[in-house]
Amino acid sequence: MKKITQSERNTQCLKHKLLSTFVLAAFSLAASVGFAQTIEQKNALRKAKSYLQHSGFSHAGLIKQLKFEGFTSEQATYAAAEVGYKTPKPTSKAKPKAK
């Protein structure tokens, strides 16, 4: 058996750490760009695409329909965003001040 010098051992350790860091970074990147969908998110997205092929839904209407089908608010919102709907900004419905 060949003896490994301390320098070679350090090099192997460094390579292992770099590879581990790279793999972790790759998984983090995949999750951040949407490759790590849950099964429920995939199902909600598939259902949202199906609805939009057959009828027009507003952002709120699509989410309401998906929630009616049993998806959570988060899953429905995820699907709506993935098919291209942007989350609407809340509007201010302040009543005019009485004089």
N, C-alpha and C. Protein backbone atom coordinates (compact mmCIF):
# COMPACT_ATOMS: atom_id res chain seq x y z
N MET A 1 0.83 -1.16 0.00
CA MET A 1 0.00 0.00 0.00
C MET A 1 0.89 1.24 0.00
N LYS A 2 0.53 2.21 -0.85
CA LYS A 2 1.33 3.42 -0.97
C LYS A 2 1.04 4.36 0.19
N LYS A 3 2.07 4.92 0.74
CA LYS A 3 1.90 5.90 1.80
C LYS A 3 1.47 7.24 1.19
N ILE A 4 0.54 7.87 1.85
CA ILE A 4 0.07 9.18 1.40
C ILE A 4 0.71 10.24 2.28
N THR A 5 1.31 11.20 1.63
CA THR A 5 1.95 12.27 2.38
C THR A 5 0.88 13.22 2.93
N GLN A 6 1.28 14.01 3.88
CA GLN A 6 0.35 14.99 4.47
C GLN A 6 -0.13 15.97 3.40
N SER A 7 0.73 16.35 2.50
CA SER A 7 0.36 17.27 1.43
C SER A 7 -0.71 16.65 0.52
N GLU A 8 -0.54 15.35 0.17
CA GLU A 8 -1.53 14.67 -0.66
C GLU A 8 -2.86 14.53 0.09
N ARG A 9 -2.78 14.24 1.37
CA ARG A 9 -3.99 14.12 2.20
C ARG A 9 -4.74 15.47 2.23
N ASN A 10 -3.99 16.55 2.40
CA ASN A 10 -4.60 17.88 2.41
C ASN A 10 -5.25 18.20 1.07
N THR A 11 -4.59 17.81 -0.01
CA THR A 11 -5.13 18.03 -1.35
C THR A 11 -6.43 17.25 -1.54
N GLN A 12 -6.46 15.99 -1.10
CA GLN A 12 -7.67 15.18 -1.22
C GLN A 12 -8.80 15.78 -0.39
N CYS A 13 -8.47 16.23 0.80
CA CYS A 13 -9.47 16.84 1.68
C CYS A 13 -10.04 18.10 1.04
N LEU A 14 -9.18 18.91 0.46
CA LEU A 14 -9.62 20.13 -0.20
C LEU A 14 -10.52 19.82 -1.39
N LYS A 15 -10.13 18.82 -2.18
CA LYS A 15 -10.95 18.41 -3.33
C LYS A 15 -12.33 17.95 -2.87
N HIS A 16 -12.36 17.18 -1.79
CA HIS A 16 -13.64 16.69 -1.26
C HIS A 16 -14.51 17.86 -0.80
N LYS A 17 -13.92 18.82 -0.10
CA LYS A 17 -14.67 19.99 0.37
C LYS A 17 -15.20 20.81 -0.80
N LEU A 18 -14.36 20.99 -1.84
CA LEU A 18 -14.79 21.75 -3.01
C LEU A 18 -15.94 21.05 -3.74
N LEU A 19 -15.84 19.74 -3.87
CA LEU A 19 -16.89 18.98 -4.53
C LEU A 19 -18.18 19.06 -3.73
N SER A 20 -18.09 18.93 -2.42
CA SER A 20 -19.28 19.03 -1.56
C SER A 20 -19.92 20.41 -1.68
N THR A 21 -19.09 21.43 -1.69
CA THR A 21 -19.60 22.80 -1.83
C THR A 21 -20.28 22.98 -3.18
N PHE A 22 -19.67 22.45 -4.24
CA PHE A 22 -20.25 22.55 -5.58
C PHE A 22 -21.61 21.85 -5.65
N VAL A 23 -21.70 20.66 -5.11
CA VAL A 23 -22.96 19.91 -5.13
C VAL A 23 -24.04 20.66 -4.35
N LEU A 24 -23.70 21.17 -3.18
CA LEU A 24 -24.65 21.94 -2.39
C LEU A 24 -25.10 23.18 -3.15
N ALA A 25 -24.18 23.88 -3.79
CA ALA A 25 -24.52 25.07 -4.56
C ALA A 25 -25.44 24.71 -5.74
N ALA A 26 -25.18 23.59 -6.38
CA ALA A 26 -26.02 23.17 -7.50
C ALA A 26 -27.44 22.87 -7.05
N PHE A 27 -27.59 22.20 -5.91
CA PHE A 27 -28.93 21.93 -5.39
C PHE A 27 -29.64 23.22 -4.99
N SER A 28 -28.91 24.14 -4.39
CA SER A 28 -29.50 25.41 -4.00
C SER A 28 -29.96 26.19 -5.22
N LEU A 29 -29.15 26.21 -6.26
CA LEU A 29 -29.52 26.89 -7.49
C LEU A 29 -30.74 26.24 -8.12
N ALA A 30 -30.76 24.92 -8.15
CA ALA A 30 -31.90 24.21 -8.73
C ALA A 30 -33.19 24.55 -7.98
N ALA A 31 -33.12 24.62 -6.68
CA ALA A 31 -34.30 24.95 -5.88
C ALA A 31 -34.73 26.38 -6.13
N SER A 32 -33.79 27.29 -6.28
CA SER A 32 -34.14 28.69 -6.45
C SER A 32 -34.74 28.99 -7.82
N VAL A 33 -34.45 28.17 -8.82
CA VAL A 33 -35.02 28.41 -10.14
C VAL A 33 -36.21 27.50 -10.43
N GLY A 34 -36.69 26.82 -9.43
CA GLY A 34 -37.93 26.08 -9.58
C GLY A 34 -37.81 24.63 -9.96
N PHE A 35 -36.63 24.06 -9.92
CA PHE A 35 -36.50 22.65 -10.27
C PHE A 35 -36.92 21.73 -9.13
N ALA A 36 -37.05 22.27 -7.94
CA ALA A 36 -37.38 21.46 -6.79
C ALA A 36 -38.85 21.64 -6.41
N GLN A 37 -39.73 21.38 -7.36
CA GLN A 37 -41.15 21.48 -7.11
C GLN A 37 -41.62 20.30 -6.27
N THR A 38 -42.59 20.57 -5.42
CA THR A 38 -43.22 19.47 -4.71
C THR A 38 -44.22 18.82 -5.66
N ILE A 39 -44.66 17.63 -5.32
CA ILE A 39 -45.66 16.95 -6.14
C ILE A 39 -46.94 17.77 -6.21
N GLU A 40 -47.31 18.37 -5.08
CA GLU A 40 -48.53 19.18 -5.05
C GLU A 40 -48.40 20.40 -5.95
N GLN A 41 -47.22 21.02 -5.97
CA GLN A 41 -47.00 22.17 -6.85
C GLN A 41 -47.10 21.75 -8.31
N LYS A 42 -46.51 20.61 -8.65
CA LYS A 42 -46.59 20.11 -10.02
C LYS A 42 -48.04 19.84 -10.41
N ASN A 43 -48.81 19.24 -9.49
CA ASN A 43 -50.22 18.95 -9.78
C ASN A 43 -51.02 20.24 -9.95
N ALA A 44 -50.76 21.23 -9.09
CA ALA A 44 -51.47 22.51 -9.20
C ALA A 44 -51.11 23.20 -10.51
N LEU A 45 -49.85 23.14 -10.90
CA LEU A 45 -49.42 23.75 -12.16
C LEU A 45 -50.06 23.05 -13.35
N ARG A 46 -50.09 21.74 -13.32
CA ARG A 46 -50.72 20.99 -14.41
C ARG A 46 -52.20 21.34 -14.52
N LYS A 47 -52.88 21.44 -13.38
CA LYS A 47 -54.30 21.78 -13.37
C LYS A 47 -54.51 23.20 -13.87
N ALA A 48 -53.65 24.14 -13.45
CA ALA A 48 -53.77 25.54 -13.89
C ALA A 48 -53.61 25.64 -15.40
N LYS A 49 -52.63 24.93 -15.96
CA LYS A 49 -52.42 24.95 -17.41
C LYS A 49 -53.64 24.38 -18.13
N SER A 50 -54.21 23.34 -17.57
CA SER A 50 -55.41 22.73 -18.17
C SER A 50 -56.58 23.71 -18.18
N TYR A 51 -56.78 24.40 -17.05
CA TYR A 51 -57.86 25.39 -16.99
C TYR A 51 -57.68 26.48 -18.03
N LEU A 52 -56.45 26.96 -18.16
CA LEU A 52 -56.20 28.07 -19.07
C LEU A 52 -56.29 27.67 -20.53
N GLN A 53 -56.18 26.37 -20.83
CA GLN A 53 -56.36 25.90 -22.21
C GLN A 53 -57.82 25.95 -22.62
N HIS A 54 -58.71 25.78 -21.64
CA HIS A 54 -60.13 25.66 -21.96
C HIS A 54 -60.96 26.89 -21.64
N SER A 55 -60.46 27.75 -20.78
CA SER A 55 -61.21 28.96 -20.46
C SER A 55 -60.28 30.01 -19.89
N GLY A 56 -60.76 31.25 -19.90
CA GLY A 56 -59.95 32.34 -19.38
C GLY A 56 -60.23 32.56 -17.91
N PHE A 57 -59.20 32.69 -17.15
CA PHE A 57 -59.32 32.98 -15.73
C PHE A 57 -58.49 34.20 -15.41
N SER A 58 -58.98 35.01 -14.51
CA SER A 58 -58.16 36.08 -13.97
C SER A 58 -57.20 35.45 -12.97
N HIS A 59 -56.25 36.22 -12.50
CA HIS A 59 -55.31 35.73 -11.48
C HIS A 59 -56.09 35.23 -10.27
N ALA A 60 -56.97 36.06 -9.75
CA ALA A 60 -57.74 35.69 -8.56
C ALA A 60 -58.68 34.52 -8.85
N GLY A 61 -59.27 34.51 -10.04
CA GLY A 61 -60.18 33.43 -10.41
C GLY A 61 -59.48 32.08 -10.51
N LEU A 62 -58.28 32.10 -11.06
CA LEU A 62 -57.51 30.86 -11.18
C LEU A 62 -57.14 30.32 -9.80
N ILE A 63 -56.68 31.21 -8.92
CA ILE A 63 -56.33 30.78 -7.57
C ILE A 63 -57.57 30.25 -6.84
N LYS A 64 -58.69 30.96 -7.00
CA LYS A 64 -59.94 30.52 -6.34
C LYS A 64 -60.35 29.13 -6.83
N GLN A 65 -60.24 28.90 -8.14
CA GLN A 65 -60.61 27.60 -8.70
C GLN A 65 -59.68 26.50 -8.21
N LEU A 66 -58.39 26.78 -8.16
CA LEU A 66 -57.44 25.78 -7.68
C LEU A 66 -57.69 25.46 -6.20
N LYS A 67 -58.00 26.49 -5.42
CA LYS A 67 -58.30 26.25 -4.01
C LYS A 67 -59.58 25.43 -3.87
N PHE A 68 -60.56 25.69 -4.73
CA PHE A 68 -61.79 24.91 -4.73
C PHE A 68 -61.50 23.44 -5.03
N GLU A 69 -60.49 23.20 -5.87
CA GLU A 69 -60.10 21.83 -6.23
C GLU A 69 -59.33 21.14 -5.11
N GLY A 70 -58.98 21.89 -4.04
CA GLY A 70 -58.33 21.26 -2.90
C GLY A 70 -56.87 21.64 -2.71
N PHE A 71 -56.35 22.51 -3.57
CA PHE A 71 -54.98 22.95 -3.40
C PHE A 71 -54.93 24.03 -2.33
N THR A 72 -53.79 24.12 -1.65
CA THR A 72 -53.63 25.16 -0.64
C THR A 72 -53.45 26.51 -1.34
N SER A 73 -53.56 27.57 -0.56
CA SER A 73 -53.37 28.91 -1.11
C SER A 73 -51.96 29.05 -1.69
N GLU A 74 -50.96 28.50 -1.00
CA GLU A 74 -49.58 28.59 -1.47
C GLU A 74 -49.39 27.82 -2.78
N GLN A 75 -49.98 26.64 -2.88
CA GLN A 75 -49.86 25.84 -4.11
C GLN A 75 -50.57 26.53 -5.27
N ALA A 76 -51.74 27.09 -5.01
CA ALA A 76 -52.50 27.78 -6.05
C ALA A 76 -51.76 29.03 -6.52
N THR A 77 -51.21 29.78 -5.58
CA THR A 77 -50.46 30.99 -5.92
C THR A 77 -49.20 30.64 -6.71
N TYR A 78 -48.54 29.56 -6.31
CA TYR A 78 -47.35 29.09 -7.04
C TYR A 78 -47.73 28.77 -8.49
N ALA A 79 -48.79 28.03 -8.68
CA ALA A 79 -49.21 27.63 -10.04
C ALA A 79 -49.57 28.86 -10.87
N ALA A 80 -50.29 29.81 -10.28
CA ALA A 80 -50.66 31.02 -11.01
C ALA A 80 -49.42 31.79 -11.44
N ALA A 81 -48.44 31.87 -10.57
CA ALA A 81 -47.20 32.57 -10.90
C ALA A 81 -46.44 31.85 -12.01
N GLU A 82 -46.42 30.52 -11.95
CA GLU A 82 -45.68 29.74 -12.94
C GLU A 82 -46.29 29.82 -14.34
N VAL A 83 -47.60 30.00 -14.43
CA VAL A 83 -48.22 30.11 -15.75
C VAL A 83 -48.17 31.54 -16.29
N GLY A 84 -47.58 32.43 -15.51
CA GLY A 84 -47.36 33.78 -16.03
C GLY A 84 -48.13 34.88 -15.35
N TYR A 85 -48.99 34.55 -14.42
CA TYR A 85 -49.70 35.60 -13.71
C TYR A 85 -48.79 36.19 -12.65
N LYS A 86 -48.72 37.49 -12.63
CA LYS A 86 -47.98 38.16 -11.57
C LYS A 86 -48.94 38.40 -10.42
N THR A 87 -48.43 38.31 -9.21
CA THR A 87 -49.27 38.57 -8.04
C THR A 87 -49.67 40.03 -8.07
N PRO A 88 -50.96 40.30 -8.06
CA PRO A 88 -51.38 41.70 -8.12
C PRO A 88 -51.00 42.45 -6.85
N LYS A 89 -50.66 43.72 -7.05
CA LYS A 89 -50.33 44.55 -5.89
C LYS A 89 -51.64 44.97 -5.23
N PRO A 90 -51.65 45.00 -3.90
CA PRO A 90 -52.88 45.42 -3.22
C PRO A 90 -53.22 46.86 -3.57
N THR A 91 -54.48 47.09 -3.78
CA THR A 91 -54.93 48.45 -4.10
C THR A 91 -55.50 49.08 -2.86
N SER A 92 -55.36 50.36 -2.78
CA SER A 92 -55.88 51.09 -1.64
C SER A 92 -57.31 51.48 -1.95
N LYS A 93 -58.22 51.01 -1.14
CA LYS A 93 -59.63 51.34 -1.31
C LYS A 93 -60.08 52.23 -0.16
N ALA A 94 -59.33 53.29 0.04
CA ALA A 94 -59.64 54.21 1.13
C ALA A 94 -60.88 55.03 0.77
N LYS A 95 -61.75 55.19 1.74
CA LYS A 95 -62.94 55.98 1.53
C LYS A 95 -62.57 57.46 1.62
N PRO A 96 -63.24 58.29 0.83
CA PRO A 96 -62.94 59.72 0.93
C PRO A 96 -63.30 60.24 2.31
N LYS A 97 -62.52 61.20 2.76
CA LYS A 97 -62.77 61.78 4.08
C LYS A 97 -64.04 62.60 4.05
N ALA A 98 -64.82 62.47 5.14
CA ALA A 98 -66.04 63.26 5.27
C ALA A 98 -65.67 64.70 5.59
N LYS A 99 -66.41 65.63 4.98
CA LYS A 99 -66.13 67.05 5.20
C LYS A 99 -66.98 67.60 6.32
